[in-house]
């Protein structure tokens, strides 16, 4: 399985874990709580596999966290009626642009 595929799966699992963390109501609901634990655990396993390929940890973590935050924010707005300000939205865009620049600057071109 390719690095991008593993990273996409790790991000998806982290997002699932975070959404179900909200649904678990402070770990008071068994099934959502179990999903949180499984999803986060699987996400970290995938991240560890990616790191074995030699991709720098800073690059992997930056991409994983930036896309995770963005997707969770959008899902929070869609599923839970969360509100964000335009300043928060701009901040998310800047974070994503920063991750792209960090990734490009790591080798002079995209390396994953």
PDB file of N, CA and C in Angstrom:
ATOM      1  N   UNK A   1       0.846  -1.176   0.000  1.00  0.00           N
ATOM      2  CA  UNK A   1       0.000   0.000   0.000  1.00  0.00           C
ATOM      3  C   UNK A   1       0.891   1.239   0.000  1.00  0.00           C
ATOM      4  N   UNK A   2       0.551   2.226  -0.810  1.00  0.00           N
ATOM      5  CA  UNK A   2       1.370   3.420  -0.937  1.00  0.00           C
ATOM      6  C   UNK A   2       1.272   4.346   0.263  1.00  0.00           C
ATOM      7  N   UNK A   3       2.260   5.209   0.377  1.00  0.00           N
ATOM      8  CA  UNK A   3       2.329   6.141   1.491  1.00  0.00           C
ATOM      9  C   UNK A   3       1.120   7.069   1.523  1.00  0.00           C
ATOM     10  N   UNK A   4       0.734   7.589   0.358  1.00  0.00           N
ATOM     11  CA  UNK A   4      -0.427   8.489   0.322  1.00  0.00           C
ATOM     12  C   UNK A   4      -1.699   7.757   0.744  1.00  0.00           C
ATOM     13  N   UNK A   5      -1.831   6.506   0.347  1.00  0.00           N
ATOM     14  CA  UNK A   5      -3.007   5.721   0.726  1.00  0.00           C
ATOM     15  C   UNK A   5      -3.037   5.504   2.236  1.00  0.00           C
ATOM     16  N   UNK A   6      -1.893   5.156   2.797  1.00  0.00           N
ATOM     17  CA  UNK A   6      -1.812   4.967   4.248  1.00  0.00           C
ATOM     18  C   UNK A   6      -2.120   6.262   4.992  1.00  0.00           C
ATOM     19  N   UNK A   7      -1.574   7.372   4.479  1.00  0.00           N
ATOM     20  CA  UNK A   7      -1.803   8.650   5.139  1.00  0.00           C
ATOM     21  C   UNK A   7      -3.270   9.058   5.044  1.00  0.00           C
ATOM     22  N   UNK A   8      -3.883   8.836   3.909  1.00  0.00           N
ATOM     23  CA  UNK A   8      -5.308   9.140   3.750  1.00  0.00           C
ATOM     24  C   UNK A   8      -6.147   8.311   4.719  1.00  0.00           C
ATOM     25  N   UNK A   9      -5.817   7.033   4.837  1.00  0.00           N
ATOM     26  CA  UNK A   9      -6.539   6.167   5.767  1.00  0.00           C
ATOM     27  C   UNK A   9      -6.314   6.604   7.214  1.00  0.00           C
ATOM     28  N   UNK A  10      -5.088   6.995   7.547  1.00  0.00           N
ATOM     29  CA  UNK A  10      -4.790   7.456   8.909  1.00  0.00           C
ATOM     30  C   UNK A  10      -5.581   8.718   9.232  1.00  0.00           C
ATOM     31  N   UNK A  11      -5.674   9.630   8.272  1.00  0.00           N
ATOM     32  CA  UNK A  11      -6.447  10.858   8.472  1.00  0.00           C
ATOM     33  C   UNK A  11      -7.925  10.518   8.643  1.00  0.00           C
ATOM     34  N   UNK A  12      -8.442   9.641   7.791  1.00  0.00           N
ATOM     35  CA  UNK A  12      -9.855   9.262   7.875  1.00  0.00           C
ATOM     36  C   UNK A  12     -10.170   8.631   9.228  1.00  0.00           C
ATOM     37  N   UNK A  13      -9.303   7.762   9.708  1.00  0.00           N
ATOM     38  CA  UNK A  13      -9.528   7.125  11.002  1.00  0.00           C
ATOM     39  C   UNK A  13      -9.457   8.125  12.153  1.00  0.00           C
ATOM     40  N   UNK A  14      -8.537   9.070  12.064  1.00  0.00           N
ATOM     41  CA  UNK A  14      -8.441  10.107  13.094  1.00  0.00           C
ATOM     42  C   UNK A  14      -9.711  10.955  13.103  1.00  0.00           C
ATOM     43  N   UNK A  15     -10.230  11.273  11.927  1.00  0.00           N
ATOM     44  CA  UNK A  15     -11.466  12.053  11.831  1.00  0.00           C
ATOM     45  C   UNK A  15     -12.641  11.268  12.423  1.00  0.00           C
ATOM     46  N   UNK A  16     -12.742   9.993  12.086  1.00  0.00           N
ATOM     47  CA  UNK A  16     -13.803   9.151  12.651  1.00  0.00           C
ATOM     48  C   UNK A  16     -13.694   9.134  14.174  1.00  0.00           C
ATOM     49  N   UNK A  17     -12.487   8.936  14.681  1.00  0.00           N
ATOM     50  CA  UNK A  17     -12.287   8.921  16.131  1.00  0.00           C
ATOM     51  C   UNK A  17     -12.699  10.226  16.785  1.00  0.00           C
ATOM     52  N   UNK A  18     -12.369  11.342  16.164  1.00  0.00           N
ATOM     53  CA  UNK A  18     -12.695  12.637  16.735  1.00  0.00           C
ATOM     54  C   UNK A  18     -14.197  12.913  16.703  1.00  0.00           C
ATOM     55  N   UNK A  19     -14.853  12.561  15.602  1.00  0.00           N
ATOM     56  CA  UNK A  19     -16.311  12.744  15.519  1.00  0.00           C
ATOM     57  C   UNK A  19     -16.998  11.877  16.577  1.00  0.00           C
ATOM     58  N   UNK A  20     -16.564  10.643  16.707  1.00  0.00           N
ATOM     59  CA  UNK A  20     -17.186   9.772  17.707  1.00  0.00           C
ATOM     60  C   UNK A  20     -16.807  10.161  19.132  1.00  0.00           C
ATOM     61  N   UNK A  21     -15.715  10.871  19.303  1.00  0.00           N
ATOM     62  CA  UNK A  21     -15.386  11.408  20.622  1.00  0.00           C
ATOM     63  C   UNK A  21     -16.487  12.374  21.066  1.00  0.00           C
ATOM     64  N   UNK A  22     -16.949  13.165  20.133  1.00  0.00           N
ATOM     65  CA  UNK A  22     -18.072  14.078  20.441  1.00  0.00           C
ATOM     66  C   UNK A  22     -19.342  13.283  20.737  1.00  0.00           C
ATOM     67  N   UNK A  23     -19.593  12.263  19.929  1.00  0.00           N
ATOM     68  CA  UNK A  23     -20.802  11.453  20.094  1.00  0.00           C
ATOM     69  C   UNK A  23     -20.756  10.625  21.380  1.00  0.00           C
ATOM     70  N   UNK A  24     -19.551  10.273  21.843  1.00  0.00           N
ATOM     71  CA  UNK A  24     -19.418   9.430  23.039  1.00  0.00           C
ATOM     72  C   UNK A  24     -19.872  10.125  24.312  1.00  0.00           C
ATOM     73  N   UNK A  25     -20.057  11.440  24.238  1.00  0.00           N
ATOM     74  CA  UNK A  25     -20.548  12.210  25.390  1.00  0.00           C
ATOM     75  C   UNK A  25     -19.672  11.982  26.622  1.00  0.00           C
ATOM     76  N   UNK A  26     -18.378  12.272  26.429  1.00  0.00           N
ATOM     77  CA  UNK A  26     -17.446  12.124  27.555  1.00  0.00           C
ATOM     78  C   UNK A  26     -17.203  10.680  27.950  1.00  0.00           C
ATOM     79  N   UNK A  27     -17.203   9.790  26.979  1.00  0.00           N
ATOM     80  CA  UNK A  27     -17.011   8.355  27.187  1.00  0.00           C
ATOM     81  C   UNK A  27     -18.101   7.740  28.058  1.00  0.00           C
ATOM     82  N   UNK A  28     -19.304   8.297  27.988  1.00  0.00           N
ATOM     83  CA  UNK A  28     -20.423   7.729  28.736  1.00  0.00           C
ATOM     84  C   UNK A  28     -21.259   6.781  27.891  1.00  0.00           C
ATOM     85  N   UNK A  29     -21.001   6.729  26.589  1.00  0.00           N
ATOM     86  CA  UNK A  29     -21.729   5.827  25.688  1.00  0.00           C
ATOM     87  C   UNK A  29     -20.741   4.788  25.167  1.00  0.00           C
ATOM     88  N   UNK A  30     -21.064   3.522  25.384  1.00  0.00           N
ATOM     89  CA  UNK A  30     -20.129   2.435  25.133  1.00  0.00           C
ATOM     90  C   UNK A  30     -19.695   2.309  23.670  1.00  0.00           C
ATOM     91  N   UNK A  31     -20.641   2.189  22.746  1.00  0.00           N
ATOM     92  CA  UNK A  31     -20.279   1.942  21.344  1.00  0.00           C
ATOM     93  C   UNK A  31     -19.478   3.108  20.755  1.00  0.00           C
ATOM     94  N   UNK A  32     -19.935   4.351  20.890  1.00  0.00           N
ATOM     95  CA  UNK A  32     -19.114   5.444  20.372  1.00  0.00           C
ATOM     96  C   UNK A  32     -17.733   5.512  21.027  1.00  0.00           C
ATOM     97  N   UNK A  33     -17.669   5.203  22.315  1.00  0.00           N
ATOM     98  CA  UNK A  33     -16.379   5.208  23.014  1.00  0.00           C
ATOM     99  C   UNK A  33     -15.452   4.145  22.448  1.00  0.00           C
ATOM    100  N   UNK A  34     -15.982   2.976  22.163  1.00  0.00           N
ATOM    101  CA  UNK A  34     -15.177   1.901  21.573  1.00  0.00           C
ATOM    102  C   UNK A  34     -14.685   2.302  20.189  1.00  0.00           C
ATOM    103  N   UNK A  35     -15.539   2.962  19.423  1.00  0.00           N
ATOM    104  CA  UNK A  35     -15.132   3.415  18.080  1.00  0.00           C
ATOM    105  C   UNK A  35     -13.994   4.419  18.185  1.00  0.00           C
ATOM    106  N   UNK A  36     -14.049   5.308  19.166  1.00  0.00           N
ATOM    107  CA  UNK A  36     -12.972   6.277  19.380  1.00  0.00           C
ATOM    108  C   UNK A  36     -11.652   5.552  19.589  1.00  0.00           C
ATOM    109  N   UNK A  37     -11.651   4.588  20.489  1.00  0.00           N
ATOM    110  CA  UNK A  37     -10.417   3.873  20.832  1.00  0.00           C
ATOM    111  C   UNK A  37      -9.877   3.096  19.633  1.00  0.00           C
ATOM    112  N   UNK A  38     -10.746   2.398  18.922  1.00  0.00           N
ATOM    113  CA  UNK A  38     -10.315   1.609  17.760  1.00  0.00           C
ATOM    114  C   UNK A  38      -9.810   2.525  16.646  1.00  0.00           C
ATOM    115  N   UNK A  39     -10.555   3.595  16.354  1.00  0.00           N
ATOM    116  CA  UNK A  39     -10.180   4.479  15.253  1.00  0.00           C
ATOM    117  C   UNK A  39      -8.852   5.184  15.526  1.00  0.00           C
ATOM    118  N   UNK A  40      -8.685   5.733  16.733  1.00  0.00           N
ATOM    119  CA  UNK A  40      -7.421   6.390  17.060  1.00  0.00           C
ATOM    120  C   UNK A  40      -6.261   5.396  17.051  1.00  0.00           C
ATOM    121  N   UNK A  41      -6.476   4.227  17.609  1.00  0.00           N
ATOM    122  CA  UNK A  41      -5.417   3.216  17.632  1.00  0.00           C
ATOM    123  C   UNK A  41      -4.996   2.830  16.220  1.00  0.00           C
ATOM    124  N   UNK A  42      -5.979   2.575  15.370  1.00  0.00           N
ATOM    125  CA  UNK A  42      -5.673   2.199  13.980  1.00  0.00           C
ATOM    126  C   UNK A  42      -4.969   3.338  13.256  1.00  0.00           C
ATOM    127  N   UNK A  43      -5.378   4.566  13.519  1.00  0.00           N
ATOM    128  CA  UNK A  43      -4.731   5.712  12.889  1.00  0.00           C
ATOM    129  C   UNK A  43      -3.257   5.787  13.272  1.00  0.00           C
ATOM    130  N   UNK A  44      -2.960   5.581  14.549  1.00  0.00           N
ATOM    131  CA  UNK A  44      -1.573   5.625  14.990  1.00  0.00           C
ATOM    132  C   UNK A  44      -0.755   4.455  14.442  1.00  0.00           C
ATOM    133  N   UNK A  45      -1.372   3.300  14.300  1.00  0.00           N
ATOM    134  CA  UNK A  45      -0.666   2.169  13.681  1.00  0.00           C
ATOM    135  C   UNK A  45      -0.282   2.527  12.253  1.00  0.00           C
ATOM    136  N   UNK A  46      -1.223   3.096  11.499  1.00  0.00           N
ATOM    137  CA  UNK A  46      -0.923   3.494  10.124  1.00  0.00           C
ATOM    138  C   UNK A  46       0.167   4.560  10.082  1.00  0.00           C
ATOM    139  N   UNK A  47       0.110   5.510  10.995  1.00  0.00           N
ATOM    140  CA  UNK A  47       1.166   6.526  11.047  1.00  0.00           C
ATOM    141  C   UNK A  47       2.526   5.886  11.303  1.00  0.00           C
ATOM    142  N   UNK A  48       2.562   4.894  12.163  1.00  0.00           N
ATOM    143  CA  UNK A  48       3.847   4.227  12.436  1.00  0.00           C
ATOM    144  C   UNK A  48       4.357   3.499  11.201  1.00  0.00           C
ATOM    145  N   UNK A  49       3.445   2.924  10.407  1.00  0.00           N
ATOM    146  CA  UNK A  49       3.860   2.260   9.166  1.00  0.00           C
ATOM    147  C   UNK A  49       4.430   3.273   8.181  1.00  0.00           C
ATOM    148  N   UNK A  50       3.791   4.438   8.106  1.00  0.00           N
ATOM    149  CA  UNK A  50       4.284   5.487   7.210  1.00  0.00           C
ATOM    150  C   UNK A  50       5.682   5.910   7.625  1.00  0.00           C
ATOM    151  N   UNK A  51       5.895   6.081   8.910  1.00  0.00           N
ATOM    152  CA  UNK A  51       7.201   6.522   9.395  1.00  0.00           C
ATOM    153  C   UNK A  51       8.295   5.501   9.112  1.00  0.00           C
ATOM    154  N   UNK A  52       7.943   4.222   9.022  1.00  0.00           N
ATOM    155  CA  UNK A  52       8.934   3.191   8.668  1.00  0.00           C
ATOM    156  C   UNK A  52       9.452   3.362   7.253  1.00  0.00           C
ATOM    157  N   UNK A  53       8.710   4.084   6.405  1.00  0.00           N
ATOM    158  CA  UNK A  53       9.144   4.293   5.015  1.00  0.00           C
ATOM    159  C   UNK A  53      10.205   5.369   4.905  1.00  0.00           C
ATOM    160  N   UNK A  54      10.444   6.089   5.999  1.00  0.00           N
ATOM    161  CA  UNK A  54      11.473   7.119   5.981  1.00  0.00           C
ATOM    162  C   UNK A  54      10.953   8.529   5.745  1.00  0.00           C
ATOM    163  N   UNK A  55       9.642   8.692   5.606  1.00  0.00           N
ATOM    164  CA  UNK A  55       9.086  10.039   5.467  1.00  0.00           C
ATOM    165  C   UNK A  55       9.297  10.762   6.793  1.00  0.00           C
ATOM    166  N   UNK A  56       9.792  11.991   6.768  1.00  0.00           N
ATOM    167  CA  UNK A  56      10.052  12.709   8.023  1.00  0.00           C
ATOM    168  C   UNK A  56       8.796  12.861   8.876  1.00  0.00           C
ATOM    169  N   UNK A  57       8.952  12.665  10.166  1.00  0.00           N
ATOM    170  CA  UNK A  57       7.826  12.710  11.089  1.00  0.00           C
ATOM    171  C   UNK A  57       7.124  14.066  11.063  1.00  0.00           C
ATOM    172  N   UNK A  58       7.879  15.145  10.928  1.00  0.00           N
ATOM    173  CA  UNK A  58       7.282  16.472  10.892  1.00  0.00           C
ATOM    174  C   UNK A  58       6.360  16.661   9.706  1.00  0.00           C
ATOM    175  N   UNK A  59       6.740  16.096   8.574  1.00  0.00           N
ATOM    176  CA  UNK A  59       5.923  16.201   7.367  1.00  0.00           C
ATOM    177  C   UNK A  59       4.650  15.382   7.539  1.00  0.00           C
ATOM    178  N   UNK A  60       4.811  14.152   7.998  1.00  0.00           N
ATOM    179  CA  UNK A  60       3.643  13.270   8.185  1.00  0.00           C
ATOM    180  C   UNK A  60       2.668  13.886   9.178  1.00  0.00           C
ATOM    181  N   UNK A  61       3.187  14.345  10.295  1.00  0.00           N
ATOM    182  CA  UNK A  61       2.313  14.895  11.330  1.00  0.00           C
ATOM    183  C   UNK A  61       1.639  16.178  10.871  1.00  0.00           C
ATOM    184  N   UNK A  62       2.368  17.012  10.153  1.00  0.00           N
ATOM    185  CA  UNK A  62       1.786  18.268   9.670  1.00  0.00           C
ATOM    186  C   UNK A  62       0.617  18.001   8.728  1.00  0.00           C
ATOM    187  N   UNK A  63       0.797  17.082   7.802  1.00  0.00           N
ATOM    188  CA  UNK A  63      -0.271  16.761   6.858  1.00  0.00           C
ATOM    189  C   UNK A  63      -1.442  16.121   7.589  1.00  0.00           C
ATOM    190  N   UNK A  64      -1.154  15.145   8.440  1.00  0.00           N
ATOM    191  CA  UNK A  64      -2.186  14.419   9.188  1.00  0.00           C
ATOM    192  C   UNK A  64      -3.022  15.378  10.033  1.00  0.00           C
ATOM    193  N   UNK A  65      -2.357  16.251  10.772  1.00  0.00           N
ATOM    194  CA  UNK A  65      -3.091  17.138  11.671  1.00  0.00           C
ATOM    195  C   UNK A  65      -3.828  18.236  10.918  1.00  0.00           C
ATOM    196  N   UNK A  66      -3.223  18.821   9.907  1.00  0.00           N
ATOM    197  CA  UNK A  66      -3.879  19.917   9.178  1.00  0.00           C
ATOM    198  C   UNK A  66      -5.138  19.435   8.464  1.00  0.00           C
ATOM    199  N   UNK A  67      -5.030  18.316   7.782  1.00  0.00           N
ATOM    200  CA  UNK A  67      -6.216  17.812   7.090  1.00  0.00           C
ATOM    201  C   UNK A  67      -7.245  17.275   8.076  1.00  0.00           C
ATOM    202  N   UNK A  68      -6.774  16.685   9.172  1.00  0.00           N
ATOM    203  CA  UNK A  68      -7.704  16.226  10.197  1.00  0.00           C
ATOM    204  C   UNK A  68      -8.497  17.377  10.791  1.00  0.00           C
ATOM    205  N   UNK A  69      -7.818  18.453  11.141  1.00  0.00           N
ATOM    206  CA  UNK A  69      -8.489  19.623  11.713  1.00  0.00           C
ATOM    207  C   UNK A  69      -9.496  20.203  10.719  1.00  0.00           C
ATOM    208  N   UNK A  70      -9.098  20.296   9.471  1.00  0.00           N
ATOM    209  CA  UNK A  70      -9.987  20.859   8.454  1.00  0.00           C
ATOM    210  C   UNK A  70     -11.238  20.015   8.269  1.00  0.00           C
ATOM    211  N   UNK A  71     -11.059  18.727   8.130  1.00  0.00           N
ATOM    212  CA  UNK A  71     -12.207  17.839   7.907  1.00  0.00           C
ATOM    213  C   UNK A  71     -13.107  17.792   9.137  1.00  0.00           C
ATOM    214  N   UNK A  72     -12.499  17.716  10.319  1.00  0.00           N
ATOM    215  CA  UNK A  72     -13.300  17.696  11.552  1.00  0.00           C
ATOM    216  C   UNK A  72     -14.083  19.001  11.691  1.00  0.00           C
ATOM    217  N   UNK A  73     -13.479  20.109  11.359  1.00  0.00           N
ATOM    218  CA  UNK A  73     -14.185  21.395  11.421  1.00  0.00           C
ATOM    219  C   UNK A  73     -15.383  21.397  10.483  1.00  0.00           C
ATOM    220  N   UNK A  74     -15.182  20.946   9.261  1.00  0.00           N
ATOM    221  CA  UNK A  74     -16.284  20.907   8.293  1.00  0.00           C
ATOM    222  C   UNK A  74     -17.385  19.944   8.730  1.00  0.00           C
ATOM    223  N   UNK A  75     -16.991  18.786   9.254  1.00  0.00           N
ATOM    224  CA  UNK A  75     -17.991  17.834   9.750  1.00  0.00           C
ATOM    225  C   UNK A  75     -18.719  18.372  10.972  1.00  0.00           C
ATOM    226  N   UNK A  76     -18.001  19.075  11.835  1.00  0.00           N
ATOM    227  CA  UNK A  76     -18.643  19.688  12.992  1.00  0.00           C
ATOM    228  C   UNK A  76     -19.699  20.687  12.577  1.00  0.00           C
ATOM    229  N   UNK A  77     -19.396  21.445  11.535  1.00  0.00           N
ATOM    230  CA  UNK A  77     -20.377  22.402  11.026  1.00  0.00           C
ATOM    231  C   UNK A  77     -21.580  21.678  10.423  1.00  0.00           C
ATOM    232  N   UNK A  78     -21.332  20.607   9.694  1.00  0.00           N
ATOM    233  CA  UNK A  78     -22.410  19.884   9.006  1.00  0.00           C
ATOM    234  C   UNK A  78     -23.234  19.016   9.953  1.00  0.00           C
ATOM    235  N   UNK A  79     -22.581  18.332  10.879  1.00  0.00           N
ATOM    236  CA  UNK A  79     -23.271  17.364  11.725  1.00  0.00           C
ATOM    237  C   UNK A  79     -23.774  17.924  13.045  1.00  0.00           C
ATOM    238  N   UNK A  80     -23.035  18.885  13.594  1.00  0.00           N
ATOM    239  CA  UNK A  80     -23.347  19.363  14.941  1.00  0.00           C
ATOM    240  C   UNK A  80     -23.707  20.844  14.985  1.00  0.00           C
ATOM    241  N   UNK A  81     -23.819  21.450  13.820  1.00  0.00           N
ATOM    242  CA  UNK A  81     -24.151  22.867  13.710  1.00  0.00           C
ATOM    243  C   UNK A  81     -23.114  23.747  14.417  1.00  0.00           C
ATOM    244  N   UNK A  82     -21.853  23.292  14.431  1.00  0.00           N
ATOM    245  CA  UNK A  82     -20.778  24.108  14.992  1.00  0.00           C
ATOM    246  C   UNK A  82     -20.610  25.351  14.126  1.00  0.00           C
ATOM    247  N   UNK A  83     -20.275  26.440  14.754  1.00  0.00           N
ATOM    248  CA  UNK A  83     -20.051  27.700  14.041  1.00  0.00           C
ATOM    249  C   UNK A  83     -18.577  28.067  14.153  1.00  0.00           C
ATOM    250  N   UNK A  84     -18.024  28.576  13.056  1.00  0.00           N
ATOM    251  CA  UNK A  84     -16.678  29.129  13.115  1.00  0.00           C
ATOM    252  C   UNK A  84     -16.718  30.518  12.487  1.00  0.00           C
ATOM    253  N   UNK A  85     -15.823  31.356  12.935  1.00  0.00           N
ATOM    254  CA  UNK A  85     -15.751  32.714  12.402  1.00  0.00           C
ATOM    255  C   UNK A  85     -14.949  32.708  11.108  1.00  0.00           C
ATOM    256  N   UNK A  86     -15.017  33.789  10.383  1.00  0.00           N
ATOM    257  CA  UNK A  86     -14.228  33.884   9.154  1.00  0.00           C
ATOM    258  C   UNK A  86     -12.743  33.881   9.495  1.00  0.00           C
ATOM    259  N   UNK A  87     -12.395  34.378  10.675  1.00  0.00           N
ATOM    260  CA  UNK A  87     -10.989  34.375  11.095  1.00  0.00           C
ATOM    261  C   UNK A  87     -10.514  32.936  11.297  1.00  0.00           C
ATOM    262  N   UNK A  88     -11.355  32.109  11.916  1.00  0.00           N
ATOM    263  CA  UNK A  88     -11.015  30.696  12.093  1.00  0.00           C
ATOM    264  C   UNK A  88     -10.886  30.000  10.740  1.00  0.00           C
ATOM    265  N   UNK A  89     -11.806  30.285   9.846  1.00  0.00           N
ATOM    266  CA  UNK A  89     -11.740  29.714   8.500  1.00  0.00           C
ATOM    267  C   UNK A  89     -10.460  30.112   7.783  1.00  0.00           C
ATOM    268  N   UNK A  90     -10.098  31.377   7.896  1.00  0.00           N
ATOM    269  CA  UNK A  90      -8.848  31.851   7.291  1.00  0.00           C
ATOM    270  C   UNK A  90      -7.652  31.145   7.922  1.00  0.00           C
ATOM    271  N   UNK A  91      -7.712  30.955   9.227  1.00  0.00           N
ATOM    272  CA  UNK A  91      -6.624  30.252   9.907  1.00  0.00           C
ATOM    273  C   UNK A  91      -6.446  28.839   9.397  1.00  0.00           C
ATOM    274  N   UNK A  92      -7.548  28.146   9.144  1.00  0.00           N
ATOM    275  CA  UNK A  92      -7.468  26.781   8.615  1.00  0.00           C
ATOM    276  C   UNK A  92      -6.834  26.790   7.227  1.00  0.00           C
ATOM    277  N   UNK A  93      -7.232  27.743   6.399  1.00  0.00           N
ATOM    278  CA  UNK A  93      -6.638  27.857   5.054  1.00  0.00           C
ATOM    279  C   UNK A  93      -5.137  28.116   5.163  1.00  0.00           C
ATOM    280  N   UNK A  94      -4.742  28.980   6.069  1.00  0.00           N
ATOM    281  CA  UNK A  94      -3.322  29.286   6.249  1.00  0.00           C
ATOM    282  C   UNK A  94      -2.551  28.065   6.736  1.00  0.00           C
ATOM    283  N   UNK A  95      -3.146  27.293   7.643  1.00  0.00           N
ATOM    284  CA  UNK A  95      -2.495  26.072   8.124  1.00  0.00           C
ATOM    285  C   UNK A  95      -2.264  25.105   6.967  1.00  0.00           C
ATOM    286  N   UNK A  96      -3.278  24.905   6.134  1.00  0.00           N
ATOM    287  CA  UNK A  96      -3.134  23.998   4.991  1.00  0.00           C
ATOM    288  C   UNK A  96      -2.050  24.503   4.043  1.00  0.00           C
ATOM    289  N   UNK A  97      -2.061  25.799   3.747  1.00  0.00           N
ATOM    290  CA  UNK A  97      -1.013  26.356   2.882  1.00  0.00           C
ATOM    291  C   UNK A  97       0.367  26.174   3.512  1.00  0.00           C
ATOM    292  N   UNK A  98       0.439  26.353   4.819  1.00  0.00           N
ATOM    293  CA  UNK A  98       1.714  26.155   5.508  1.00  0.00           C
ATOM    294  C   UNK A  98       2.204  24.721   5.402  1.00  0.00           C
ATOM    295  N   UNK A  99       1.308  23.774   5.533  1.00  0.00           N
ATOM    296  CA  UNK A  99       1.682  22.361   5.413  1.00  0.00           C
ATOM    297  C   UNK A  99       2.180  22.074   4.002  1.00  0.00           C
ATOM    298  N   UNK A 100       1.513  22.611   3.010  1.00  0.00           N
ATOM    299  CA  UNK A 100       1.952  22.415   1.626  1.00  0.00           C
ATOM    300  C   UNK A 100       3.357  22.982   1.444  1.00  0.00           C
ATOM    301  N   UNK A 101       3.605  24.168   1.977  1.00  0.00           N
ATOM    302  CA  UNK A 101       4.937  24.764   1.855  1.00  0.00           C
ATOM    303  C   UNK A 101       5.994  23.961   2.598  1.00  0.00           C
ATOM    304  N   UNK A 102       5.659  23.471   3.785  1.00  0.00           N
ATOM    305  CA  UNK A 102       6.609  22.644   4.543  1.00  0.00           C
ATOM    306  C   UNK A 102       6.939  21.382   3.750  1.00  0.00           C
ATOM    307  N   UNK A 103       5.925  20.756   3.190  1.00  0.00           N
ATOM    308  CA  UNK A 103       6.129  19.533   2.409  1.00  0.00           C
ATOM    309  C   UNK A 103       6.976  19.822   1.176  1.00  0.00           C
ATOM    310  N   UNK A 104       6.672  20.874   0.466  1.00  0.00           N
ATOM    311  CA  UNK A 104       7.445  21.214  -0.723  1.00  0.00           C
ATOM    312  C   UNK A 104       8.877  21.601  -0.369  1.00  0.00           C
ATOM    313  N   UNK A 105       9.043  22.280   0.760  1.00  0.00           N
ATOM    314  CA  UNK A 105      10.367  22.720   1.171  1.00  0.00           C
ATOM    315  C   UNK A 105      11.226  21.604   1.734  1.00  0.00           C
ATOM    316  N   UNK A 106      10.640  20.466   2.046  1.00  0.00           N
ATOM    317  CA  UNK A 106      11.424  19.391   2.653  1.00  0.00           C
ATOM    318  C   UNK A 106      12.424  18.793   1.672  1.00  0.00           C
ATOM    319  N   UNK A 107      12.088  18.796   0.381  1.00  0.00           N
ATOM    320  CA  UNK A 107      13.014  18.241  -0.616  1.00  0.00           C
ATOM    321  C   UNK A 107      13.063  19.079  -1.872  1.00  0.00           C
ATOM    322  N   UNK A 108      12.349  20.167  -1.889  1.00  0.00           N
ATOM    323  CA  UNK A 108      12.292  20.979  -3.089  1.00  0.00           C
ATOM    324  C   UNK A 108      11.152  20.585  -3.999  1.00  0.00           C
ATOM    325  N   UNK A 109      10.499  19.472  -3.697  1.00  0.00           N
ATOM    326  CA  UNK A 109       9.333  19.013  -4.448  1.00  0.00           C
ATOM    327  C   UNK A 109       8.535  18.089  -3.548  1.00  0.00           C
ATOM    328  N   UNK A 110       7.331  17.781  -3.963  1.00  0.00           N
ATOM    329  CA  UNK A 110       6.503  16.858  -3.169  1.00  0.00           C
ATOM    330  C   UNK A 110       7.222  15.520  -3.047  1.00  0.00           C
ATOM    331  N   UNK A 111       7.289  14.971  -1.833  1.00  0.00           N
ATOM    332  CA  UNK A 111       8.077  13.760  -1.634  1.00  0.00           C
ATOM    333  C   UNK A 111       7.277  12.542  -1.229  1.00  0.00           C
ATOM    334  N   UNK A 112       6.028  12.707  -0.856  1.00  0.00           N
ATOM    335  CA  UNK A 112       5.262  11.534  -0.478  1.00  0.00           C
ATOM    336  C   UNK A 112       4.876  10.852  -1.740  1.00  0.00           C
TER     337      UNK A 112
END
